[in-house]
Protein backbone atom coordinates (compact mmCIF):
# COMPACT_ATOMS: atom_id res chain seq x y z
CA MET A 1 36.02 -13.30 -31.68
CA GLN A 2 32.68 -13.33 -29.86
CA THR A 3 34.47 -12.30 -26.69
CA LEU A 4 35.92 -9.26 -28.44
CA LEU A 5 32.50 -8.34 -29.85
CA GLY A 6 30.96 -8.72 -26.38
CA LEU A 7 33.66 -6.57 -24.82
CA HIS A 8 33.25 -3.93 -27.52
CA ARG A 9 29.46 -3.86 -26.99
CA THR A 10 29.91 -3.63 -23.19
CA SER A 11 32.46 -0.85 -23.65
CA THR A 12 30.10 1.05 -25.95
CA GLU A 13 27.22 0.64 -23.50
CA LEU A 14 29.40 1.90 -20.65
CA GLU A 15 30.49 4.93 -22.69
CA LEU A 16 26.86 5.75 -23.47
CA LYS A 17 25.89 5.40 -19.80
CA VAL A 18 28.81 7.63 -18.72
CA GLN A 19 27.81 10.26 -21.30
CA GLU A 20 24.20 10.08 -20.09
CA LEU A 21 25.28 10.52 -16.46
CA LEU A 22 27.58 13.41 -17.39
CA ALA A 23 24.70 15.14 -19.17
CA GLU A 24 22.47 14.68 -16.09
CA LEU A 25 25.26 16.00 -13.84
CA SER A 26 25.67 19.04 -16.10
CA THR A 27 21.92 19.75 -15.92
CA VAL A 28 21.90 19.46 -12.12
CA ASN A 29 24.96 21.70 -11.90
CA GLU A 30 23.23 24.37 -14.03
CA GLN A 31 20.15 24.19 -11.79
CA LEU A 32 22.30 24.58 -8.67
CA CYS A 33 24.05 27.62 -10.17
CA CYS A 34 20.66 29.20 -10.94
CA GLU A 35 19.43 28.47 -7.40
CA GLU A 36 22.62 29.93 -5.91
CA ASP A 37 22.18 33.11 -7.95
CA LEU A 38 18.54 33.35 -6.83
CA HIS A 39 19.60 32.76 -3.21
CA GLN A 40 22.20 35.56 -3.41
CA ARG A 41 19.64 37.99 -4.84
CA THR A 42 17.10 36.97 -2.21
CA GLN A 43 19.70 37.36 0.54
CA THR A 44 20.47 40.91 -0.65
CA GLU A 45 16.76 41.79 -0.67
CA ILE A 46 16.32 40.31 2.82
CA GLU A 47 19.30 42.29 4.13
CA LYS A 48 17.77 45.49 2.74
CA SER A 49 14.39 44.63 4.29
CA PHE A 50 16.03 43.83 7.60
CA SER A 51 17.86 47.18 7.58
CA ILE A 52 14.57 48.98 6.97
CA LEU A 53 12.91 46.93 9.72
CA GLN A 54 15.73 47.69 12.15
CA ALA A 55 15.57 51.42 11.36
CA THR A 56 11.80 51.36 11.85
CA LEU A 57 12.17 49.60 15.20
CA GLU A 58 14.73 52.15 16.35
CA ALA A 59 12.54 55.02 15.17
CA THR A 60 9.63 53.47 17.02
CA ALA A 61 11.66 53.19 20.20
CA GLU A 62 12.60 56.85 19.92
CA GLY A 63 8.98 57.88 19.66
CA ILE A 64 8.85 58.76 15.96
CA ILE A 65 6.33 55.98 15.28
CA ALA A 66 3.94 54.96 18.06
CA ILE A 67 3.24 51.27 18.41
CA ARG A 68 1.11 49.83 21.18
CA PHE A 69 2.44 46.76 22.86
CA LEU A 70 0.03 44.53 24.72
CA THR A 71 1.48 43.31 27.96
CA SER A 72 0.04 41.03 30.53
CA CYS A 73 0.06 42.35 34.06
CA THR A 74 0.54 38.88 35.45
CA ASP A 75 3.08 37.46 33.06
CA THR A 76 5.24 39.72 30.90
CA ALA A 77 7.13 36.67 29.69
CA THR A 78 4.24 35.66 27.47
CA SER A 79 3.07 39.10 26.45
CA SER A 80 2.84 39.52 22.73
CA ILE A 81 3.19 42.18 20.12
CA PRO A 82 -0.23 42.80 18.52
CA ASN A 83 1.15 42.74 14.99
CA SER A 84 3.70 39.97 15.04
CA ILE A 85 6.88 40.43 13.07
CA LEU A 86 6.52 36.90 11.73
CA PRO A 87 5.44 36.71 8.10
CA SER A 88 2.03 35.53 7.00
CA VAL A 89 2.80 32.65 4.65
CA PRO A 90 -0.13 30.21 4.40
CA LYS A 91 2.13 27.23 3.72
CA LEU A 92 4.13 28.06 6.87
CA LYS A 93 1.23 28.96 9.18
CA LYS A 94 1.90 26.03 11.56
CA VAL A 95 5.58 26.96 11.68
CA PHE A 96 5.04 30.60 12.59
CA ASP A 97 2.13 29.83 14.93
CA PHE A 98 4.42 27.45 16.82
CA ILE A 99 7.23 30.03 16.99
CA GLU A 100 4.77 32.72 18.16
CA ALA A 101 3.39 30.44 20.88
CA ASN A 102 6.76 29.11 22.07
CA TYR A 103 9.51 31.68 21.35
CA HIS A 104 9.69 32.50 25.07
CA GLN A 105 11.05 29.06 25.88
CA PRO A 106 14.04 27.16 24.52
CA ILE A 107 12.96 25.67 21.18
CA THR A 108 14.95 24.04 18.40
CA LEU A 109 14.53 23.49 14.69
CA TYR A 110 13.54 19.91 15.52
CA ASP A 111 10.73 21.13 17.81
CA VAL A 112 9.37 23.45 15.12
CA ALA A 113 9.66 20.77 12.42
CA GLN A 114 7.86 18.22 14.57
CA ALA A 115 5.04 20.66 15.35
CA ALA A 116 4.64 21.49 11.65
CA GLY A 117 4.82 17.87 10.52
CA TYR A 118 8.01 18.22 8.46
CA SER A 119 11.52 16.86 8.67
CA PRO A 120 14.06 19.44 9.91
CA THR A 121 15.89 19.40 6.56
CA TYR A 122 12.74 19.87 4.51
CA LEU A 123 11.52 22.63 6.84
CA THR A 124 14.85 24.46 6.63
CA ASN A 125 14.73 24.46 2.84
CA LEU A 126 11.03 25.36 2.71
CA VAL A 127 11.34 28.33 5.09
CA ARG A 128 14.48 29.61 3.39
CA CYS A 129 12.83 29.30 -0.03
CA GLN A 130 9.60 31.01 1.09
CA THR A 131 11.11 33.76 3.28
CA GLY A 132 14.82 34.00 2.52
CA GLN A 133 15.69 33.32 6.17
CA THR A 134 16.18 30.29 8.36
CA VAL A 135 13.84 29.03 11.05
CA TYR A 136 16.45 29.93 13.65
CA LYS A 137 16.64 33.55 12.43
CA TRP A 138 12.86 33.90 12.68
CA ILE A 139 12.97 32.58 16.25
CA VAL A 140 15.74 35.06 17.11
CA GLN A 141 13.90 37.98 15.46
CA ARG A 142 10.71 37.20 17.40
CA ARG A 143 12.65 36.94 20.65
CA MET A 144 14.46 40.22 19.98
CA ALA A 145 11.19 42.02 19.21
CA GLN A 146 9.86 40.95 22.62
CA ALA A 147 13.17 41.81 24.28
CA HIS A 148 12.94 45.34 22.82
CA SER A 149 9.46 45.71 24.30
CA LEU A 150 10.54 44.48 27.72
CA LEU A 151 13.70 46.62 27.75
CA VAL A 152 11.77 49.79 26.92
CA ASN A 153 8.56 49.14 28.86
CA THR A 154 9.76 47.42 32.04
CA ASP A 155 12.51 47.73 34.62
CA GLN A 156 13.23 44.01 34.62
CA PRO A 157 16.92 43.11 34.85
CA VAL A 158 18.53 41.77 31.68
CA ASN A 159 18.80 38.23 33.07
CA GLN A 160 15.01 38.13 33.67
CA ILE A 161 14.34 39.48 30.18
CA ALA A 162 16.69 36.84 28.74
CA ALA A 163 14.72 34.08 30.47
CA ALA A 164 11.40 35.67 29.45
CA VAL A 165 12.32 35.55 25.76
CA GLY A 166 13.69 32.00 25.69
CA TYR A 167 17.34 32.35 26.71
CA PRO A 168 18.01 30.48 29.98
CA ASP A 169 21.64 31.64 29.73
CA PRO A 170 21.80 35.45 30.03
CA GLY A 171 25.29 35.41 28.51
CA HIS A 172 23.97 33.81 25.33
CA PHE A 173 21.19 36.41 25.15
CA ILE A 174 23.67 39.28 25.59
CA ARG A 175 25.98 37.86 22.89
CA GLN A 176 23.05 37.39 20.50
CA PHE A 177 21.76 40.91 21.23
CA ARG A 178 25.21 42.43 20.73
CA LYS A 179 25.67 40.53 17.46
CA ILE A 180 22.46 42.07 16.10
CA HIS A 181 22.62 45.57 17.63
CA SER A 182 26.36 46.11 18.20
CA THR A 183 25.61 47.04 21.81
CA THR A 184 24.51 45.39 25.03
CA PRO A 185 20.85 45.17 26.09
CA LYS A 186 21.52 47.52 29.02
CA MET A 187 23.11 50.18 26.81
CA TRP A 188 20.33 49.75 24.20
CA ARG A 189 17.74 50.30 26.95
CA ASN A 190 19.50 53.47 28.12
CA MET A 191 19.70 54.85 24.57
CA HIS A 192 16.05 54.14 23.80
CA ARG A 193 14.64 55.41 27.06
CA SER A 194 16.29 58.82 26.97
């Protein structure tokens, strides 16, 4: 009889624990759904902002908006844009300072995370939450901004520009450029110089 009472009590305790865990799982699931909805809205806003930024860059290249680019006579690979395209987020200052200082060489998420004192996973989530984009996309955007400057303002061949903005493999640079601009760097240069 005591065995049956013990089993009944254990069964009841297990049922309560399962119900408690199911309630926690339901709460976590609701939070994830809310975060996913927020992420989708943020992604849409970022896409709109990126379209505006891209249109502004193209207008600038065509002479509608004048922007001065500072270039170094001795080393165009490390020349910088006076007003960086990287956002000013106090919590991410180390991240964007590192990208600004090192975009012209091959860098990884791990390098950026180490410089900022975060784990790569935490940094990925933090940057995405604060800016709506990944660390990698910010690196690519900074590299492309410098590539635009070098394509318009210099006669350097594409393979030298690729190396100057952190792509040792010119083919990778051309593929990345084409993915963003739907054209090759050489054709983009010709369109924006005429």
